[in-house]
Amino acid sequence: MEKSSTPPPPMYTDEFALEGKKPVKNPFVPIGALVTAGVLTAGLISFRYGNSKLGQKLMRARVVAQGATVALMIGSAYYYGDQIKLFKKGSSP
């Protein structure tokens, strides 16, 4: 087999504008995760010291915080996902 002496065509960086970049983040997601972890820790500590009423309230608050964090994750993925798709197609958002 004979090797071709012509080089491959140059690659244009415009096609790969989003590669290597950090994805856009919603700043409320890490805050929600920290709040969830903090409430969980406080609830476990209160259970350890025998205050089950407070521990139960904190566990319920943890579920609410966790649900809000998941909702923010889904909402930001949906919102920023549409913007990235539009950007990849070459349309302006």
N, C-alpha and C. Protein backbone atom coordinates (compact mmCIF):
# COMPACT_ATOMS: atom_id res chain seq x y z
N MET A 1 0.83 -1.19 0.00
CA MET A 1 0.00 0.00 0.00
C MET A 1 0.87 1.25 0.00
N GLU A 2 0.45 2.20 -0.75
CA GLU A 2 1.21 3.43 -0.89
C GLU A 2 0.63 4.50 0.03
N LYS A 3 1.51 5.22 0.72
CA LYS A 3 1.06 6.28 1.62
C LYS A 3 0.85 7.57 0.85
N SER A 4 -0.16 8.30 1.23
CA SER A 4 -0.48 9.55 0.57
C SER A 4 0.47 10.64 1.09
N SER A 5 0.95 11.46 0.20
CA SER A 5 1.88 12.51 0.60
C SER A 5 1.18 13.83 0.90
N THR A 6 -0.11 13.92 0.65
CA THR A 6 -0.83 15.16 0.93
C THR A 6 -1.30 15.18 2.37
N PRO A 7 -1.10 16.30 3.05
CA PRO A 7 -1.54 16.38 4.45
C PRO A 7 -3.06 16.46 4.54
N PRO A 8 -3.60 16.09 5.68
CA PRO A 8 -5.06 16.20 5.85
C PRO A 8 -5.48 17.66 5.88
N PRO A 9 -6.73 17.94 5.56
CA PRO A 9 -7.18 19.33 5.59
C PRO A 9 -7.13 19.89 7.00
N PRO A 10 -6.90 21.20 7.15
CA PRO A 10 -6.82 21.79 8.49
C PRO A 10 -8.16 21.73 9.20
N MET A 11 -8.10 21.57 10.51
CA MET A 11 -9.32 21.54 11.31
C MET A 11 -9.59 22.95 11.82
N TYR A 12 -10.82 23.35 11.75
CA TYR A 12 -11.20 24.68 12.21
C TYR A 12 -11.69 24.59 13.64
N THR A 13 -11.22 25.50 14.47
CA THR A 13 -11.57 25.47 15.89
C THR A 13 -12.99 25.93 16.14
N ASP A 14 -13.64 26.56 15.18
CA ASP A 14 -15.02 27.01 15.38
C ASP A 14 -15.97 25.83 15.60
N GLU A 15 -15.64 24.69 15.02
CA GLU A 15 -16.51 23.52 15.17
C GLU A 15 -16.48 22.96 16.58
N PHE A 16 -15.40 23.22 17.31
CA PHE A 16 -15.23 22.66 18.64
C PHE A 16 -15.17 23.76 19.69
N ALA A 17 -16.02 24.73 19.58
CA ALA A 17 -15.97 25.90 20.47
C ALA A 17 -16.27 25.53 21.92
N LEU A 18 -17.07 24.50 22.17
CA LEU A 18 -17.45 24.15 23.55
C LEU A 18 -16.57 23.08 24.16
N GLU A 19 -15.72 22.44 23.40
CA GLU A 19 -14.88 21.39 23.94
C GLU A 19 -13.82 21.99 24.86
N GLY A 20 -13.59 21.34 25.98
CA GLY A 20 -12.56 21.78 26.90
C GLY A 20 -12.99 22.89 27.84
N LYS A 21 -14.18 23.42 27.66
CA LYS A 21 -14.67 24.46 28.55
C LYS A 21 -15.45 23.85 29.69
N LYS A 22 -15.42 24.53 30.81
CA LYS A 22 -16.19 24.08 31.96
C LYS A 22 -17.67 24.32 31.70
N PRO A 23 -18.53 23.36 32.03
CA PRO A 23 -19.96 23.60 31.82
C PRO A 23 -20.47 24.71 32.74
N VAL A 24 -21.49 25.39 32.27
CA VAL A 24 -22.08 26.47 33.06
C VAL A 24 -22.76 25.86 34.27
N LYS A 25 -22.53 26.47 35.43
CA LYS A 25 -23.10 25.93 36.66
C LYS A 25 -24.07 26.92 37.27
N ASN A 26 -25.05 26.38 37.94
CA ASN A 26 -25.97 27.19 38.73
C ASN A 26 -25.34 27.32 40.11
N PRO A 27 -25.07 28.53 40.60
CA PRO A 27 -24.40 28.67 41.90
C PRO A 27 -25.24 28.19 43.07
N PHE A 28 -26.54 28.02 42.87
CA PHE A 28 -27.39 27.58 43.97
C PHE A 28 -27.29 26.07 44.21
N VAL A 29 -26.81 25.31 43.25
CA VAL A 29 -26.71 23.86 43.42
C VAL A 29 -25.67 23.50 44.47
N PRO A 30 -24.44 24.03 44.43
CA PRO A 30 -23.50 23.71 45.50
C PRO A 30 -23.96 24.22 46.86
N ILE A 31 -24.61 25.37 46.87
CA ILE A 31 -25.13 25.91 48.13
C ILE A 31 -26.19 24.97 48.69
N GLY A 32 -27.08 24.48 47.82
CA GLY A 32 -28.11 23.54 48.27
C GLY A 32 -27.51 22.24 48.78
N ALA A 33 -26.44 21.79 48.13
CA ALA A 33 -25.78 20.56 48.59
C ALA A 33 -25.16 20.76 49.97
N LEU A 34 -24.55 21.92 50.18
CA LEU A 34 -23.97 22.20 51.50
C LEU A 34 -25.04 22.33 52.57
N VAL A 35 -26.16 22.97 52.24
CA VAL A 35 -27.26 23.09 53.20
C VAL A 35 -27.80 21.70 53.56
N THR A 36 -27.96 20.86 52.53
CA THR A 36 -28.44 19.50 52.77
C THR A 36 -27.49 18.74 53.69
N ALA A 37 -26.20 18.84 53.41
CA ALA A 37 -25.21 18.14 54.24
C ALA A 37 -25.20 18.69 55.67
N GLY A 38 -25.34 20.01 55.80
CA GLY A 38 -25.35 20.61 57.14
C GLY A 38 -26.55 20.19 57.96
N VAL A 39 -27.72 20.17 57.33
CA VAL A 39 -28.94 19.76 58.04
C VAL A 39 -28.87 18.28 58.40
N LEU A 40 -28.32 17.47 57.49
CA LEU A 40 -28.15 16.04 57.78
C LEU A 40 -27.22 15.84 58.97
N THR A 41 -26.11 16.56 58.99
CA THR A 41 -25.16 16.44 60.11
C THR A 41 -25.80 16.86 61.42
N ALA A 42 -26.53 17.98 61.40
CA ALA A 42 -27.19 18.45 62.62
C ALA A 42 -28.24 17.45 63.09
N GLY A 43 -28.97 16.86 62.16
CA GLY A 43 -29.97 15.86 62.53
C GLY A 43 -29.36 14.62 63.14
N LEU A 44 -28.26 14.15 62.56
CA LEU A 44 -27.60 12.97 63.11
C LEU A 44 -27.01 13.25 64.49
N ILE A 45 -26.47 14.45 64.69
CA ILE A 45 -25.94 14.83 66.00
C ILE A 45 -27.06 14.88 67.03
N SER A 46 -28.21 15.43 66.64
CA SER A 46 -29.32 15.52 67.60
C SER A 46 -29.85 14.13 67.94
N PHE A 47 -29.86 13.21 66.97
CA PHE A 47 -30.25 11.83 67.28
C PHE A 47 -29.24 11.20 68.24
N ARG A 48 -27.99 11.49 68.05
CA ARG A 48 -26.93 10.90 68.89
C ARG A 48 -27.09 11.34 70.34
N TYR A 49 -27.50 12.59 70.53
CA TYR A 49 -27.68 13.09 71.90
C TYR A 49 -29.07 12.81 72.46
N GLY A 50 -29.90 12.10 71.74
CA GLY A 50 -31.18 11.66 72.26
C GLY A 50 -32.34 12.61 72.02
N ASN A 51 -32.16 13.66 71.28
CA ASN A 51 -33.24 14.60 71.01
C ASN A 51 -33.92 14.17 69.70
N SER A 52 -34.79 13.19 69.80
CA SER A 52 -35.38 12.61 68.60
C SER A 52 -36.40 13.54 67.93
N LYS A 53 -37.06 14.40 68.70
CA LYS A 53 -38.02 15.33 68.09
C LYS A 53 -37.31 16.31 67.16
N LEU A 54 -36.24 16.90 67.65
CA LEU A 54 -35.48 17.83 66.83
C LEU A 54 -34.84 17.09 65.64
N GLY A 55 -34.34 15.90 65.90
CA GLY A 55 -33.73 15.11 64.83
C GLY A 55 -34.72 14.80 63.72
N GLN A 56 -35.94 14.48 64.10
CA GLN A 56 -36.97 14.19 63.10
C GLN A 56 -37.31 15.43 62.28
N LYS A 57 -37.40 16.58 62.93
CA LYS A 57 -37.67 17.83 62.20
C LYS A 57 -36.53 18.15 61.24
N LEU A 58 -35.29 17.92 61.69
CA LEU A 58 -34.15 18.19 60.83
C LEU A 58 -34.10 17.22 59.65
N MET A 59 -34.51 15.98 59.85
CA MET A 59 -34.53 15.03 58.75
C MET A 59 -35.59 15.42 57.71
N ARG A 60 -36.71 15.95 58.18
CA ARG A 60 -37.72 16.45 57.24
C ARG A 60 -37.21 17.67 56.48
N ALA A 61 -36.49 18.54 57.18
CA ALA A 61 -35.90 19.71 56.53
C ALA A 61 -34.85 19.27 55.51
N ARG A 62 -34.13 18.19 55.81
CA ARG A 62 -33.13 17.68 54.88
C ARG A 62 -33.78 17.20 53.60
N VAL A 63 -34.92 16.54 53.72
CA VAL A 63 -35.64 16.07 52.53
C VAL A 63 -36.08 17.25 51.67
N VAL A 64 -36.55 18.30 52.30
CA VAL A 64 -36.97 19.50 51.56
C VAL A 64 -35.77 20.14 50.86
N ALA A 65 -34.65 20.28 51.59
CA ALA A 65 -33.45 20.88 51.00
C ALA A 65 -32.91 20.02 49.86
N GLN A 66 -32.95 18.72 50.04
CA GLN A 66 -32.47 17.81 49.01
C GLN A 66 -33.36 17.88 47.76
N GLY A 67 -34.66 17.94 47.97
CA GLY A 67 -35.58 18.06 46.84
C GLY A 67 -35.39 19.36 46.09
N ALA A 68 -35.16 20.45 46.82
CA ALA A 68 -34.92 21.74 46.16
C ALA A 68 -33.63 21.71 45.37
N THR A 69 -32.61 21.06 45.91
CA THR A 69 -31.33 20.96 45.20
C THR A 69 -31.48 20.15 43.92
N VAL A 70 -32.19 19.05 43.97
CA VAL A 70 -32.40 18.23 42.78
C VAL A 70 -33.22 19.00 41.75
N ALA A 71 -34.23 19.74 42.21
CA ALA A 71 -35.03 20.55 41.29
C ALA A 71 -34.17 21.61 40.61
N LEU A 72 -33.25 22.24 41.36
CA LEU A 72 -32.35 23.22 40.77
C LEU A 72 -31.41 22.57 39.76
N MET A 73 -30.95 21.38 40.05
CA MET A 73 -30.07 20.67 39.12
C MET A 73 -30.79 20.37 37.81
N ILE A 74 -32.01 19.88 37.92
CA ILE A 74 -32.79 19.55 36.71
C ILE A 74 -33.14 20.82 35.95
N GLY A 75 -33.55 21.85 36.66
CA GLY A 75 -33.90 23.11 36.00
C GLY A 75 -32.72 23.75 35.31
N SER A 76 -31.56 23.77 35.95
CA SER A 76 -30.40 24.39 35.31
C SER A 76 -29.89 23.54 34.15
N ALA A 77 -29.99 22.22 34.25
CA ALA A 77 -29.59 21.37 33.13
C ALA A 77 -30.50 21.60 31.93
N TYR A 78 -31.78 21.75 32.19
CA TYR A 78 -32.73 22.01 31.11
C TYR A 78 -32.48 23.39 30.49
N TYR A 79 -32.31 24.39 31.35
CA TYR A 79 -32.12 25.76 30.87
C TYR A 79 -30.81 25.90 30.09
N TYR A 80 -29.70 25.48 30.69
CA TYR A 80 -28.41 25.62 30.03
C TYR A 80 -28.24 24.61 28.91
N GLY A 81 -28.91 23.49 28.96
CA GLY A 81 -28.83 22.52 27.88
C GLY A 81 -29.40 23.06 26.60
N ASP A 82 -30.50 23.78 26.67
CA ASP A 82 -31.08 24.40 25.48
C ASP A 82 -30.16 25.47 24.91
N GLN A 83 -29.52 26.23 25.76
CA GLN A 83 -28.61 27.27 25.28
C GLN A 83 -27.40 26.66 24.59
N ILE A 84 -26.87 25.57 25.11
CA ILE A 84 -25.71 24.93 24.50
C ILE A 84 -26.09 24.33 23.15
N LYS A 85 -27.27 23.72 23.04
CA LYS A 85 -27.71 23.16 21.76
C LYS A 85 -27.83 24.26 20.71
N LEU A 86 -28.38 25.40 21.10
CA LEU A 86 -28.53 26.50 20.17
C LEU A 86 -27.16 27.04 19.76
N PHE A 87 -26.24 27.10 20.71
CA PHE A 87 -24.91 27.61 20.43
C PHE A 87 -24.16 26.68 19.47
N LYS A 88 -24.33 25.39 19.66
CA LYS A 88 -23.66 24.42 18.79
C LYS A 88 -24.17 24.51 17.35
N LYS A 89 -25.44 24.81 17.19
CA LYS A 89 -26.01 24.90 15.84
C LYS A 89 -25.59 26.17 15.12
N GLY A 90 -25.03 27.12 15.86
CA GLY A 90 -24.61 28.36 15.25
C GLY A 90 -25.62 29.47 15.39
N SER A 91 -26.75 29.19 16.00
CA SER A 91 -27.76 30.22 16.23
C SER A 91 -27.38 31.04 17.44
N SER A 92 -27.80 32.25 17.47
CA SER A 92 -27.56 33.06 18.66
C SER A 92 -28.75 32.86 19.60
N PRO A 93 -28.45 32.64 20.92
CA PRO A 93 -29.54 32.40 21.87
C PRO A 93 -30.40 33.60 22.14
